[in-house]
Amino acid sequence: MQPFNIPFGETWSVLRGTRDRVGDKTPAVVAALTSCVYWQHVPVEPGGVYPATARDSAALTSTLAVPKDSPEVRQADQLRREKTGEVYQVLGPAQWDQEHPMTGWDPGYKTYALKAVT
C-alpha cells in the first residue's frame, strides 16, 4: 500500500530560539514544513452535543500531520501556521512515526499534538 500523497497541504514554520537571562524565549524560524494537514479538536459532550461552555475555554488543542521526511520538530518548539499566523506549542514527541504494527503499512506522515499559544 502506498503512503498518503497530500498535494495541497499547508506550510508551517518551526520556531525555535534561545532564552535570555530572565528566561524569556526569543523564537526564530529555523525550518519550513510543507504539505502538512491540520485539524482542531472540537470539544463534544456525550451524545454529540457541542457544550455551551466551550466558547469560554482557554485551551485549543489540535493535531498536525507532517511528512516523515520533513525537518526535525522538537517538543520545545513552537509552530506557526503560515495561512493564519497563529502560533502553537508542540505538546510531545511525534506519534505514528513507525510502520503500522499489524500491516506494515507506512502512511508517510507523523502527527504532533499542538496547543494554541496567545
N, C-alpha and C. Protein backbone atom coordinates (compact mmCIF):
# COMPACT_ATOMS: atom_id res chain seq x y z
N MET A 1 0.84 -1.17 0.00
CA MET A 1 0.00 0.00 0.00
C MET A 1 0.89 1.25 0.00
N GLN A 2 0.54 2.21 -0.81
CA GLN A 2 1.31 3.44 -0.95
C GLN A 2 1.05 4.40 0.21
N PRO A 3 2.05 5.23 0.58
CA PRO A 3 1.81 6.25 1.61
C PRO A 3 0.86 7.32 1.07
N PHE A 4 0.32 8.11 1.99
CA PHE A 4 -0.56 9.22 1.61
C PHE A 4 0.19 10.19 0.72
N ASN A 5 -0.53 10.79 -0.22
CA ASN A 5 0.02 11.85 -1.06
C ASN A 5 -0.90 13.05 -0.90
N ILE A 6 -0.44 14.10 -0.23
CA ILE A 6 -1.25 15.29 0.05
C ILE A 6 -0.70 16.44 -0.79
N PRO A 7 -1.22 16.66 -2.00
CA PRO A 7 -0.65 17.70 -2.86
C PRO A 7 -1.00 19.13 -2.46
N PHE A 8 -2.04 19.33 -1.65
CA PHE A 8 -2.48 20.69 -1.35
C PHE A 8 -2.42 21.00 0.13
N GLY A 9 -1.43 20.49 0.83
CA GLY A 9 -1.30 20.73 2.26
C GLY A 9 -0.86 22.16 2.55
N GLU A 10 -0.75 22.46 3.84
CA GLU A 10 -0.36 23.79 4.30
C GLU A 10 1.13 23.85 4.64
N THR A 11 1.64 25.08 4.71
CA THR A 11 3.02 25.31 5.13
C THR A 11 3.02 25.85 6.55
N TRP A 12 3.88 25.30 7.38
CA TRP A 12 4.06 25.74 8.77
C TRP A 12 5.53 26.05 8.98
N SER A 13 5.82 27.00 9.85
CA SER A 13 7.20 27.35 10.20
C SER A 13 7.53 26.83 11.59
N VAL A 14 8.74 26.28 11.74
CA VAL A 14 9.23 25.82 13.04
C VAL A 14 9.93 26.99 13.70
N LEU A 15 9.46 27.36 14.90
CA LEU A 15 10.05 28.46 15.67
C LEU A 15 10.85 27.87 16.82
N ARG A 16 12.10 28.24 16.89
CA ARG A 16 12.98 27.74 17.94
C ARG A 16 13.89 28.90 18.33
N GLY A 17 14.24 28.97 19.58
CA GLY A 17 15.09 30.07 19.97
C GLY A 17 15.80 29.83 21.28
N THR A 18 16.56 30.80 21.66
CA THR A 18 17.30 30.74 22.92
C THR A 18 16.56 31.54 23.98
N ARG A 19 16.93 31.32 25.21
CA ARG A 19 16.34 32.06 26.32
C ARG A 19 17.34 33.10 26.82
N ASP A 20 16.82 34.26 27.20
CA ASP A 20 17.70 35.29 27.75
C ASP A 20 17.93 35.06 29.24
N ARG A 21 18.58 35.98 29.90
CA ARG A 21 18.97 35.78 31.30
C ARG A 21 17.78 35.67 32.26
N VAL A 22 16.60 36.14 31.85
CA VAL A 22 15.43 36.03 32.72
C VAL A 22 14.48 34.93 32.26
N GLY A 23 14.87 34.17 31.25
CA GLY A 23 14.09 33.02 30.82
C GLY A 23 13.12 33.27 29.68
N ASP A 24 13.06 34.49 29.17
CA ASP A 24 12.18 34.80 28.05
C ASP A 24 12.77 34.19 26.78
N LYS A 25 11.90 33.59 25.98
CA LYS A 25 12.32 32.93 24.75
C LYS A 25 12.20 33.89 23.57
N THR A 26 13.22 33.91 22.72
CA THR A 26 13.21 34.71 21.51
C THR A 26 13.20 33.74 20.33
N PRO A 27 12.00 33.44 19.80
CA PRO A 27 11.93 32.44 18.73
C PRO A 27 12.36 32.99 17.38
N ALA A 28 12.93 32.12 16.58
CA ALA A 28 13.32 32.43 15.21
C ALA A 28 12.91 31.26 14.32
N VAL A 29 12.59 31.54 13.08
CA VAL A 29 12.22 30.48 12.14
C VAL A 29 13.47 29.68 11.78
N VAL A 30 13.42 28.36 12.03
CA VAL A 30 14.57 27.51 11.72
C VAL A 30 14.29 26.52 10.60
N ALA A 31 13.01 26.33 10.24
CA ALA A 31 12.67 25.39 9.18
C ALA A 31 11.24 25.63 8.71
N ALA A 32 10.93 25.12 7.53
CA ALA A 32 9.57 25.17 7.00
C ALA A 32 9.08 23.74 6.79
N LEU A 33 7.84 23.50 7.17
CA LEU A 33 7.20 22.21 6.98
C LEU A 33 6.14 22.38 5.90
N THR A 34 6.22 21.62 4.83
CA THR A 34 5.27 21.75 3.73
C THR A 34 4.39 20.51 3.64
N SER A 35 3.29 20.63 2.92
CA SER A 35 2.33 19.53 2.70
C SER A 35 1.78 18.98 4.01
N CYS A 36 1.54 19.86 4.98
CA CYS A 36 1.00 19.45 6.28
C CYS A 36 -0.52 19.46 6.28
N VAL A 37 -1.10 18.63 7.14
CA VAL A 37 -2.55 18.56 7.31
C VAL A 37 -2.86 18.89 8.75
N TYR A 38 -3.80 19.83 8.98
CA TYR A 38 -4.11 20.32 10.31
C TYR A 38 -5.58 20.12 10.62
N TRP A 39 -5.89 19.71 11.86
CA TRP A 39 -7.28 19.67 12.30
C TRP A 39 -7.38 19.98 13.78
N GLN A 40 -8.46 20.72 14.14
CA GLN A 40 -8.70 21.09 15.53
C GLN A 40 -9.50 20.01 16.23
N HIS A 41 -9.35 19.98 17.54
CA HIS A 41 -10.15 19.08 18.37
C HIS A 41 -11.31 19.89 18.93
N VAL A 42 -12.50 19.58 18.52
CA VAL A 42 -13.68 20.29 18.98
C VAL A 42 -14.25 19.55 20.19
N PRO A 43 -14.43 20.27 21.30
CA PRO A 43 -14.98 19.60 22.47
C PRO A 43 -16.44 19.21 22.24
N VAL A 44 -16.75 17.95 22.42
CA VAL A 44 -18.12 17.47 22.24
C VAL A 44 -18.50 16.64 23.45
N GLU A 45 -19.68 16.90 23.97
CA GLU A 45 -20.18 16.14 25.11
C GLU A 45 -20.78 14.83 24.63
N PRO A 46 -21.00 13.88 25.53
CA PRO A 46 -21.65 12.63 25.14
C PRO A 46 -22.97 12.91 24.42
N GLY A 47 -23.23 12.19 23.37
CA GLY A 47 -24.43 12.42 22.58
C GLY A 47 -24.19 13.36 21.41
N GLY A 48 -22.95 13.86 21.28
CA GLY A 48 -22.61 14.72 20.15
C GLY A 48 -23.02 16.16 20.30
N VAL A 49 -23.33 16.60 21.52
CA VAL A 49 -23.77 17.97 21.74
C VAL A 49 -22.55 18.87 21.98
N TYR A 50 -22.50 20.00 21.28
CA TYR A 50 -21.43 20.97 21.48
C TYR A 50 -21.73 21.73 22.76
N PRO A 51 -20.83 21.68 23.75
CA PRO A 51 -21.13 22.32 25.04
C PRO A 51 -21.18 23.84 24.97
N ALA A 52 -22.14 24.42 25.65
CA ALA A 52 -22.29 25.88 25.66
C ALA A 52 -21.08 26.56 26.29
N THR A 53 -20.38 25.87 27.19
CA THR A 53 -19.23 26.46 27.85
C THR A 53 -17.95 26.37 27.03
N ALA A 54 -17.97 25.69 25.90
CA ALA A 54 -16.75 25.50 25.11
C ALA A 54 -16.20 26.83 24.60
N ARG A 55 -17.07 27.79 24.33
CA ARG A 55 -16.57 29.07 23.81
C ARG A 55 -15.76 29.82 24.85
N ASP A 56 -15.91 29.44 26.14
CA ASP A 56 -15.16 30.08 27.21
C ASP A 56 -13.84 29.37 27.50
N SER A 57 -13.58 28.29 26.79
CA SER A 57 -12.37 27.51 27.03
C SER A 57 -11.12 28.29 26.64
N ALA A 58 -10.10 28.20 27.46
CA ALA A 58 -8.86 28.92 27.19
C ALA A 58 -7.87 28.07 26.40
N ALA A 59 -8.11 26.77 26.31
CA ALA A 59 -7.17 25.89 25.63
C ALA A 59 -7.77 25.34 24.35
N LEU A 60 -7.04 25.49 23.27
CA LEU A 60 -7.45 24.93 22.00
C LEU A 60 -6.37 23.95 21.57
N THR A 61 -6.72 22.68 21.50
CA THR A 61 -5.75 21.68 21.07
C THR A 61 -6.07 21.24 19.66
N SER A 62 -5.07 20.73 18.99
CA SER A 62 -5.22 20.30 17.61
C SER A 62 -4.13 19.29 17.27
N THR A 63 -4.20 18.77 16.06
CA THR A 63 -3.21 17.81 15.57
C THR A 63 -2.68 18.28 14.24
N LEU A 64 -1.38 18.08 14.04
CA LEU A 64 -0.74 18.43 12.78
C LEU A 64 -0.05 17.18 12.24
N ALA A 65 -0.40 16.80 11.03
CA ALA A 65 0.26 15.69 10.35
C ALA A 65 1.33 16.26 9.43
N VAL A 66 2.55 15.75 9.56
CA VAL A 66 3.72 16.27 8.86
C VAL A 66 4.39 15.12 8.10
N PRO A 67 4.81 15.34 6.84
CA PRO A 67 5.52 14.28 6.12
C PRO A 67 6.76 13.83 6.90
N LYS A 68 7.03 12.55 6.88
CA LYS A 68 8.15 11.99 7.65
C LYS A 68 9.51 12.51 7.21
N ASP A 69 9.64 12.97 5.98
CA ASP A 69 10.93 13.47 5.52
C ASP A 69 11.11 14.97 5.78
N SER A 70 10.24 15.55 6.60
CA SER A 70 10.31 16.98 6.95
C SER A 70 11.45 17.23 7.94
N PRO A 71 11.84 18.51 8.10
CA PRO A 71 12.84 18.85 9.11
C PRO A 71 12.38 18.45 10.52
N GLU A 72 13.33 18.31 11.41
CA GLU A 72 13.05 17.88 12.78
C GLU A 72 12.16 18.88 13.53
N VAL A 73 11.21 18.34 14.29
CA VAL A 73 10.38 19.14 15.18
C VAL A 73 10.63 18.61 16.58
N ARG A 74 10.98 19.51 17.50
CA ARG A 74 11.28 19.13 18.88
C ARG A 74 10.10 19.47 19.78
N GLN A 75 10.08 18.83 20.95
CA GLN A 75 8.99 19.05 21.90
C GLN A 75 8.94 20.49 22.40
N ALA A 76 10.04 21.19 22.44
CA ALA A 76 10.08 22.57 22.95
C ALA A 76 9.78 23.59 21.85
N ASP A 77 9.57 23.15 20.62
CA ASP A 77 9.35 24.06 19.50
C ASP A 77 7.95 24.66 19.53
N GLN A 78 7.83 25.79 18.85
CA GLN A 78 6.54 26.34 18.52
C GLN A 78 6.41 26.28 17.01
N LEU A 79 5.17 26.13 16.53
CA LEU A 79 4.92 26.06 15.10
C LEU A 79 3.96 27.18 14.72
N ARG A 80 4.27 27.88 13.62
CA ARG A 80 3.40 28.95 13.15
C ARG A 80 2.71 28.52 11.87
N ARG A 81 1.38 28.60 11.89
CA ARG A 81 0.57 28.29 10.71
C ARG A 81 0.65 29.48 9.77
N GLU A 82 1.30 29.34 8.63
CA GLU A 82 1.55 30.46 7.73
C GLU A 82 0.25 31.00 7.12
N LYS A 83 -0.75 30.17 6.99
CA LYS A 83 -2.03 30.60 6.42
C LYS A 83 -2.71 31.66 7.28
N THR A 84 -2.58 31.54 8.62
CA THR A 84 -3.28 32.44 9.53
C THR A 84 -2.36 33.22 10.46
N GLY A 85 -1.12 32.79 10.59
CA GLY A 85 -0.19 33.44 11.51
C GLY A 85 -0.32 32.97 12.94
N GLU A 86 -1.22 32.03 13.22
CA GLU A 86 -1.41 31.52 14.58
C GLU A 86 -0.19 30.70 15.00
N VAL A 87 0.14 30.77 16.30
CA VAL A 87 1.29 30.05 16.84
C VAL A 87 0.80 28.97 17.80
N TYR A 88 1.41 27.80 17.72
CA TYR A 88 1.05 26.65 18.54
C TYR A 88 2.29 26.09 19.20
N GLN A 89 2.12 25.53 20.39
CA GLN A 89 3.18 24.85 21.13
C GLN A 89 3.09 23.36 20.85
N VAL A 90 4.20 22.72 20.56
CA VAL A 90 4.24 21.27 20.39
C VAL A 90 4.15 20.63 21.78
N LEU A 91 3.23 19.69 21.95
CA LEU A 91 2.97 19.11 23.28
C LEU A 91 3.71 17.82 23.57
N GLY A 92 4.37 17.24 22.62
CA GLY A 92 5.08 15.99 22.90
C GLY A 92 5.79 15.48 21.66
N PRO A 93 6.29 14.28 21.75
CA PRO A 93 7.01 13.71 20.60
C PRO A 93 6.05 13.33 19.47
N ALA A 94 6.62 13.05 18.33
CA ALA A 94 5.83 12.64 17.17
C ALA A 94 5.11 11.32 17.46
N GLN A 95 3.90 11.22 16.94
CA GLN A 95 3.12 9.98 17.04
C GLN A 95 3.02 9.38 15.63
N TRP A 96 2.75 8.12 15.55
CA TRP A 96 2.62 7.39 14.28
C TRP A 96 3.88 7.51 13.44
N ASP A 97 5.02 7.55 14.13
CA ASP A 97 6.29 7.67 13.43
C ASP A 97 6.90 6.28 13.20
N GLN A 98 6.05 5.35 12.80
CA GLN A 98 6.51 3.99 12.54
C GLN A 98 5.54 3.31 11.58
N GLU A 99 5.94 2.17 11.10
CA GLU A 99 5.03 1.39 10.27
C GLU A 99 3.92 0.82 11.14
N HIS A 100 2.77 0.58 10.53
CA HIS A 100 1.65 0.01 11.27
C HIS A 100 2.08 -1.35 11.82
N PRO A 101 1.89 -1.60 13.12
CA PRO A 101 2.41 -2.84 13.72
C PRO A 101 1.76 -4.12 13.20
N MET A 102 0.56 -4.05 12.64
CA MET A 102 -0.10 -5.28 12.18
C MET A 102 -0.04 -5.46 10.67
N THR A 103 0.02 -4.36 9.92
CA THR A 103 0.01 -4.49 8.46
C THR A 103 1.34 -4.15 7.82
N GLY A 104 2.20 -3.41 8.54
CA GLY A 104 3.47 -2.99 7.97
C GLY A 104 3.35 -1.77 7.07
N TRP A 105 2.16 -1.18 6.97
CA TRP A 105 1.93 -0.02 6.11
C TRP A 105 2.53 1.23 6.73
N ASP A 106 3.20 2.02 5.93
CA ASP A 106 3.79 3.28 6.37
C ASP A 106 3.00 4.41 5.72
N PRO A 107 2.25 5.22 6.50
CA PRO A 107 1.44 6.27 5.91
C PRO A 107 2.25 7.44 5.34
N GLY A 108 3.53 7.53 5.70
CA GLY A 108 4.36 8.61 5.19
C GLY A 108 4.25 9.90 5.99
N TYR A 109 3.42 9.90 7.02
CA TYR A 109 3.22 11.09 7.87
C TYR A 109 3.38 10.71 9.33
N LYS A 110 3.76 11.69 10.14
CA LYS A 110 3.75 11.55 11.59
C LYS A 110 2.92 12.71 12.13
N THR A 111 2.36 12.57 13.32
CA THR A 111 1.49 13.61 13.85
C THR A 111 2.06 14.20 15.13
N TYR A 112 1.71 15.45 15.38
CA TYR A 112 2.09 16.16 16.59
C TYR A 112 0.85 16.75 17.24
N ALA A 113 0.76 16.64 18.57
CA ALA A 113 -0.30 17.31 19.31
C ALA A 113 0.15 18.74 19.57
N LEU A 114 -0.76 19.69 19.35
CA LEU A 114 -0.46 21.10 19.48
C LEU A 114 -1.45 21.77 20.43
N LYS A 115 -1.01 22.88 21.02
CA LYS A 115 -1.86 23.72 21.86
C LYS A 115 -1.66 25.15 21.41
N ALA A 116 -2.77 25.88 21.23
CA ALA A 116 -2.69 27.28 20.79
C ALA A 116 -1.96 28.13 21.81
N VAL A 117 -1.15 29.05 21.32
CA VAL A 117 -0.41 29.99 22.15
C VAL A 117 -0.94 31.39 21.87
N THR A 118 -1.16 32.16 22.93
CA THR A 118 -1.68 33.52 22.70
C THR A 118 -0.56 34.49 22.42
